[in-house]
Amino acid sequence: MDGNKRTAWLLVEILIDRSGYYLNIPDDERIDDLVVDVAAGVMEFDQLVSWFNDRLDRQ
């Protein structure tokens, strides 16, 4: 409906890039499901931290 979740994800990508990292995400992994789960409160903060730790690599 609105662009808040898309905008939030874009900011995450910019912050990660500017911090010298990149996300190593398989092509078949659905980012939109992750973003919706976070927005809906389905994914807890600790789970989100773990998700990022598993996928962040240094440039």
PDB file of N, CA and C in Angstrom:
ATOM      1  N   MET A   1       0.828  -1.178   0.000  1.00  0.00           N
ATOM      2  CA  MET A   1       0.000   0.000   0.000  1.00  0.00           C
ATOM      3  C   MET A   1       0.881   1.253   0.000  1.00  0.00           C
ATOM      4  N   ASP A   2       1.581   1.459   1.092  1.00  0.00           N
ATOM      5  CA  ASP A   2       2.496   2.594   1.124  1.00  0.00           C
ATOM      6  C   ASP A   2       3.915   2.067   0.941  1.00  0.00           C
ATOM      7  N   GLY A   3       4.879   2.912   0.996  1.00  0.00           N
ATOM      8  CA  GLY A   3       6.245   2.493   0.733  1.00  0.00           C
ATOM      9  C   GLY A   3       7.124   2.381   1.949  1.00  0.00           C
ATOM     10  N   ASN A   4       6.536   2.346   3.151  1.00  0.00           N
ATOM     11  CA  ASN A   4       7.369   2.360   4.359  1.00  0.00           C
ATOM     12  C   ASN A   4       8.303   1.163   4.455  1.00  0.00           C
ATOM     13  N   LYS A   5       7.810  -0.024   4.178  1.00  0.00           N
ATOM     14  CA  LYS A   5       8.660  -1.212   4.274  1.00  0.00           C
ATOM     15  C   LYS A   5       9.738  -1.201   3.191  1.00  0.00           C
ATOM     16  N   ARG A   6       9.382  -0.806   1.990  1.00  0.00           N
ATOM     17  CA  ARG A   6      10.375  -0.723   0.913  1.00  0.00           C
ATOM     18  C   ARG A   6      11.416   0.338   1.225  1.00  0.00           C
ATOM     19  N   THR A   7      10.978   1.460   1.746  1.00  0.00           N
ATOM     20  CA  THR A   7      11.906   2.534   2.114  1.00  0.00           C
ATOM     21  C   THR A   7      12.831   2.075   3.231  1.00  0.00           C
ATOM     22  N   ALA A   8      12.296   1.385   4.212  1.00  0.00           N
ATOM     23  CA  ALA A   8      13.107   0.878   5.319  1.00  0.00           C
ATOM     24  C   ALA A   8      14.172  -0.090   4.805  1.00  0.00           C
ATOM     25  N   TRP A   9      13.782  -0.981   3.886  1.00  0.00           N
ATOM     26  CA  TRP A   9      14.746  -1.940   3.352  1.00  0.00           C
ATOM     27  C   TRP A   9      15.833  -1.230   2.559  1.00  0.00           C
ATOM     28  N   LEU A  10      15.457  -0.243   1.773  1.00  0.00           N
ATOM     29  CA  LEU A  10      16.437   0.521   1.002  1.00  0.00           C
ATOM     30  C   LEU A  10      17.445   1.189   1.935  1.00  0.00           C
ATOM     31  N   LEU A  11      16.974   1.750   3.030  1.00  0.00           N
ATOM     32  CA  LEU A  11      17.875   2.377   3.998  1.00  0.00           C
ATOM     33  C   LEU A  11      18.812   1.359   4.647  1.00  0.00           C
ATOM     34  N   VAL A  12      18.291   0.165   4.912  1.00  0.00           N
ATOM     35  CA  VAL A  12      19.132  -0.910   5.450  1.00  0.00           C
ATOM     36  C   VAL A  12      20.257  -1.225   4.470  1.00  0.00           C
ATOM     37  N   GLU A  13      19.914  -1.364   3.191  1.00  0.00           N
ATOM     38  CA  GLU A  13      20.927  -1.668   2.185  1.00  0.00           C
ATOM     39  C   GLU A  13      21.975  -0.554   2.072  1.00  0.00           C
ATOM     40  N   ILE A  14      21.538   0.688   2.133  1.00  0.00           N
ATOM     41  CA  ILE A  14      22.472   1.812   2.064  1.00  0.00           C
ATOM     42  C   ILE A  14      23.401   1.807   3.275  1.00  0.00           C
ATOM     43  N   LEU A  15      22.862   1.613   4.465  1.00  0.00           N
ATOM     44  CA  LEU A  15      23.666   1.590   5.683  1.00  0.00           C
ATOM     45  C   LEU A  15      24.688   0.464   5.652  1.00  0.00           C
ATOM     46  N   ILE A  16      24.270  -0.697   5.205  1.00  0.00           N
ATOM     47  CA  ILE A  16      25.182  -1.839   5.126  1.00  0.00           C
ATOM     48  C   ILE A  16      26.308  -1.534   4.144  1.00  0.00           C
ATOM     49  N   ASP A  17      25.967  -1.010   2.982  1.00  0.00           N
ATOM     50  CA  ASP A  17      26.968  -0.682   1.972  1.00  0.00           C
ATOM     51  C   ASP A  17      27.955   0.370   2.481  1.00  0.00           C
ATOM     52  N   ARG A  18      27.444   1.406   3.089  1.00  0.00           N
ATOM     53  CA  ARG A  18      28.318   2.481   3.590  1.00  0.00           C
ATOM     54  C   ARG A  18      29.170   2.031   4.768  1.00  0.00           C
ATOM     55  N   SER A  19      28.786   0.936   5.395  1.00  0.00           N
ATOM     56  CA  SER A  19      29.560   0.399   6.513  1.00  0.00           C
ATOM     57  C   SER A  19      30.631  -0.578   6.050  1.00  0.00           C
ATOM     58  N   GLY A  20      30.712  -0.786   4.725  1.00  0.00           N
ATOM     59  CA  GLY A  20      31.740  -1.664   4.193  1.00  0.00           C
ATOM     60  C   GLY A  20      31.351  -3.132   4.153  1.00  0.00           C
ATOM     61  N   TYR A  21      30.078  -3.414   4.173  1.00  0.00           N
ATOM     62  CA  TYR A  21      29.588  -4.788   4.136  1.00  0.00           C
ATOM     63  C   TYR A  21      28.667  -4.965   2.938  1.00  0.00           C
ATOM     64  N   TYR A  22      28.307  -6.211   2.685  1.00  0.00           N
ATOM     65  CA  TYR A  22      27.265  -6.508   1.721  1.00  0.00           C
ATOM     66  C   TYR A  22      26.475  -7.711   2.228  1.00  0.00           C
ATOM     67  N   LEU A  23      25.263  -7.832   1.751  1.00  0.00           N
ATOM     68  CA  LEU A  23      24.417  -8.955   2.131  1.00  0.00           C
ATOM     69  C   LEU A  23      24.585 -10.066   1.116  1.00  0.00           C
ATOM     70  N   ASN A  24      24.944 -11.227   1.592  1.00  0.00           N
ATOM     71  CA  ASN A  24      25.092 -12.412   0.759  1.00  0.00           C
ATOM     72  C   ASN A  24      23.789 -13.209   0.884  1.00  0.00           C
ATOM     73  N   ILE A  25      22.840 -12.887   0.005  1.00  0.00           N
ATOM     74  CA  ILE A  25      21.505 -13.472   0.080  1.00  0.00           C
ATOM     75  C   ILE A  25      21.264 -14.307  -1.175  1.00  0.00           C
ATOM     76  N   PRO A  26      20.865 -15.575  -1.005  1.00  0.00           N
ATOM     77  CA  PRO A  26      20.546 -16.405  -2.174  1.00  0.00           C
ATOM     78  C   PRO A  26      19.416 -15.787  -3.003  1.00  0.00           C
ATOM     79  N   ASP A  27      19.471 -16.007  -4.308  1.00  0.00           N
ATOM     80  CA  ASP A  27      18.472 -15.441  -5.210  1.00  0.00           C
ATOM     81  C   ASP A  27      17.055 -15.885  -4.886  1.00  0.00           C
ATOM     82  N   ASP A  28      16.906 -17.078  -4.327  1.00  0.00           N
ATOM     83  CA  ASP A  28      15.561 -17.589  -4.055  1.00  0.00           C
ATOM     84  C   ASP A  28      15.026 -17.201  -2.670  1.00  0.00           C
ATOM     85  N   GLU A  29      15.791 -16.440  -1.905  1.00  0.00           N
ATOM     86  CA  GLU A  29      15.337 -16.012  -0.578  1.00  0.00           C
ATOM     87  C   GLU A  29      14.484 -14.753  -0.709  1.00  0.00           C
ATOM     88  N   ARG A  30      13.289 -14.801  -0.158  1.00  0.00           N
ATOM     89  CA  ARG A  30      12.330 -13.709  -0.312  1.00  0.00           C
ATOM     90  C   ARG A  30      12.518 -12.658   0.786  1.00  0.00           C
ATOM     91  N   ILE A  31      13.080 -11.532   0.408  1.00  0.00           N
ATOM     92  CA  ILE A  31      13.325 -10.441   1.347  1.00  0.00           C
ATOM     93  C   ILE A  31      12.013  -9.812   1.790  1.00  0.00           C
ATOM     94  N   ASP A  32      11.034  -9.759   0.891  1.00  0.00           N
ATOM     95  CA  ASP A  32       9.766  -9.127   1.257  1.00  0.00           C
ATOM     96  C   ASP A  32       9.098  -9.865   2.407  1.00  0.00           C
ATOM     97  N   ASP A  33       9.253 -11.196   2.481  1.00  0.00           N
ATOM     98  CA  ASP A  33       8.693 -11.945   3.611  1.00  0.00           C
ATOM     99  C   ASP A  33       9.380 -11.543   4.917  1.00  0.00           C
ATOM    100  N   LEU A  34      10.687 -11.377   4.863  1.00  0.00           N
ATOM    101  CA  LEU A  34      11.436 -10.950   6.049  1.00  0.00           C
ATOM    102  C   LEU A  34      10.952  -9.585   6.531  1.00  0.00           C
ATOM    103  N   VAL A  35      10.844  -8.645   5.606  1.00  0.00           N
ATOM    104  CA  VAL A  35      10.443  -7.277   5.959  1.00  0.00           C
ATOM    105  C   VAL A  35       9.035  -7.270   6.549  1.00  0.00           C
ATOM    106  N   VAL A  36       8.127  -8.024   5.961  1.00  0.00           N
ATOM    107  CA  VAL A  36       6.754  -8.090   6.478  1.00  0.00           C
ATOM    108  C   VAL A  36       6.744  -8.732   7.864  1.00  0.00           C
ATOM    109  N   ASP A  37       7.528  -9.796   8.072  1.00  0.00           N
ATOM    110  CA  ASP A  37       7.594 -10.438   9.389  1.00  0.00           C
ATOM    111  C   ASP A  37       8.118  -9.483  10.460  1.00  0.00           C
ATOM    112  N   VAL A  38       9.114  -8.682  10.110  1.00  0.00           N
ATOM    113  CA  VAL A  38       9.645  -7.703  11.067  1.00  0.00           C
ATOM    114  C   VAL A  38       8.581  -6.648  11.373  1.00  0.00           C
ATOM    115  N   ALA A  39       7.941  -6.131  10.337  1.00  0.00           N
ATOM    116  CA  ALA A  39       6.925  -5.083  10.520  1.00  0.00           C
ATOM    117  C   ALA A  39       5.734  -5.590  11.325  1.00  0.00           C
ATOM    118  N   ALA A  40       5.399  -6.861  11.155  1.00  0.00           N
ATOM    119  CA  ALA A  40       4.243  -7.432  11.853  1.00  0.00           C
ATOM    120  C   ALA A  40       4.582  -7.904  13.260  1.00  0.00           C
ATOM    121  N   GLY A  41       5.857  -7.874  13.613  1.00  0.00           N
ATOM    122  CA  GLY A  41       6.262  -8.316  14.943  1.00  0.00           C
ATOM    123  C   GLY A  41       6.385  -9.825  15.052  1.00  0.00           C
ATOM    124  N   VAL A  42       6.374 -10.524  13.916  1.00  0.00           N
ATOM    125  CA  VAL A  42       6.509 -11.974  13.912  1.00  0.00           C
ATOM    126  C   VAL A  42       7.953 -12.374  14.197  1.00  0.00           C
ATOM    127  N   MET A  43       8.892 -11.593  13.671  1.00  0.00           N
ATOM    128  CA  MET A  43      10.307 -11.867  13.897  1.00  0.00           C
ATOM    129  C   MET A  43      10.808 -11.001  15.047  1.00  0.00           C
ATOM    130  N   GLU A  44      11.390 -11.650  16.038  1.00  0.00           N
ATOM    131  CA  GLU A  44      11.939 -10.962  17.196  1.00  0.00           C
ATOM    132  C   GLU A  44      13.286 -10.321  16.832  1.00  0.00           C
ATOM    133  N   PHE A  45      13.690  -9.343  17.624  1.00  0.00           N
ATOM    134  CA  PHE A  45      14.940  -8.623  17.373  1.00  0.00           C
ATOM    135  C   PHE A  45      16.134  -9.570  17.315  1.00  0.00           C
ATOM    136  N   ASP A  46      16.223 -10.495  18.262  1.00  0.00           N
ATOM    137  CA  ASP A  46      17.352 -11.435  18.294  1.00  0.00           C
ATOM    138  C   ASP A  46      17.383 -12.308  17.038  1.00  0.00           C
ATOM    139  N   GLN A  47      16.229 -12.681  16.527  1.00  0.00           N
ATOM    140  CA  GLN A  47      16.156 -13.462  15.298  1.00  0.00           C
ATOM    141  C   GLN A  47      16.653 -12.637  14.111  1.00  0.00           C
ATOM    142  N   LEU A  48      16.286 -11.361  14.096  1.00  0.00           N
ATOM    143  CA  LEU A  48      16.712 -10.475  13.022  1.00  0.00           C
ATOM    144  C   LEU A  48      18.225 -10.268  13.057  1.00  0.00           C
ATOM    145  N   VAL A  49      18.780 -10.085  14.235  1.00  0.00           N
ATOM    146  CA  VAL A  49      20.232  -9.947  14.381  1.00  0.00           C
ATOM    147  C   VAL A  49      20.925 -11.203  13.859  1.00  0.00           C
ATOM    148  N   SER A  50      20.405 -12.358  14.217  1.00  0.00           N
ATOM    149  CA  SER A  50      20.972 -13.623  13.748  1.00  0.00           C
ATOM    150  C   SER A  50      20.874 -13.737  12.226  1.00  0.00           C
ATOM    151  N   TRP A  51      19.742 -13.328  11.663  1.00  0.00           N
ATOM    152  CA  TRP A  51      19.545 -13.363  10.211  1.00  0.00           C
ATOM    153  C   TRP A  51      20.622 -12.529   9.517  1.00  0.00           C
ATOM    154  N   PHE A  52      20.839 -11.303  10.015  1.00  0.00           N
ATOM    155  CA  PHE A  52      21.858 -10.437   9.417  1.00  0.00           C
ATOM    156  C   PHE A  52      23.269 -11.005   9.633  1.00  0.00           C
ATOM    157  N   ASN A  53      23.567 -11.491  10.809  1.00  0.00           N
ATOM    158  CA  ASN A  53      24.896 -12.061  11.077  1.00  0.00           C
ATOM    159  C   ASN A  53      25.212 -13.217  10.143  1.00  0.00           C
ATOM    160  N   ASP A  54      24.211 -14.013   9.782  1.00  0.00           N
ATOM    161  CA  ASP A  54      24.414 -15.134   8.886  1.00  0.00           C
ATOM    162  C   ASP A  54      24.666 -14.699   7.440  1.00  0.00           C
ATOM    163  N   ARG A  55      24.298 -13.479   7.084  1.00  0.00           N
ATOM    164  CA  ARG A  55      24.346 -13.053   5.690  1.00  0.00           C
ATOM    165  C   ARG A  55      25.291 -11.884   5.409  1.00  0.00           C
ATOM    166  N   LEU A  56      25.798 -11.237   6.430  1.00  0.00           N
ATOM    167  CA  LEU A  56      26.687 -10.093   6.224  1.00  0.00           C
ATOM    168  C   LEU A  56      28.123 -10.544   5.951  1.00  0.00           C
ATOM    169  N   ASP A  57      28.698  -9.985   4.919  1.00  0.00           N
ATOM    170  CA  ASP A  57      30.101 -10.234   4.590  1.00  0.00           C
ATOM    171  C   ASP A  57      30.789  -8.883   4.384  1.00  0.00           C
ATOM    172  N   ARG A  58      32.081  -8.853   4.681  1.00  0.00           N
ATOM    173  CA  ARG A  58      32.882  -7.638   4.512  1.00  0.00           C
ATOM    174  C   ARG A  58      33.244  -7.469   3.041  1.00  0.00           C
ATOM    175  N   GLN A  59      33.182  -6.240   2.565  1.00  0.00           N
ATOM    176  CA  GLN A  59      33.556  -5.951   1.169  1.00  0.00           C
ATOM    177  C   GLN A  59      35.047  -5.984   1.005  1.00  0.00           C
TER     178      GLN A  59
END
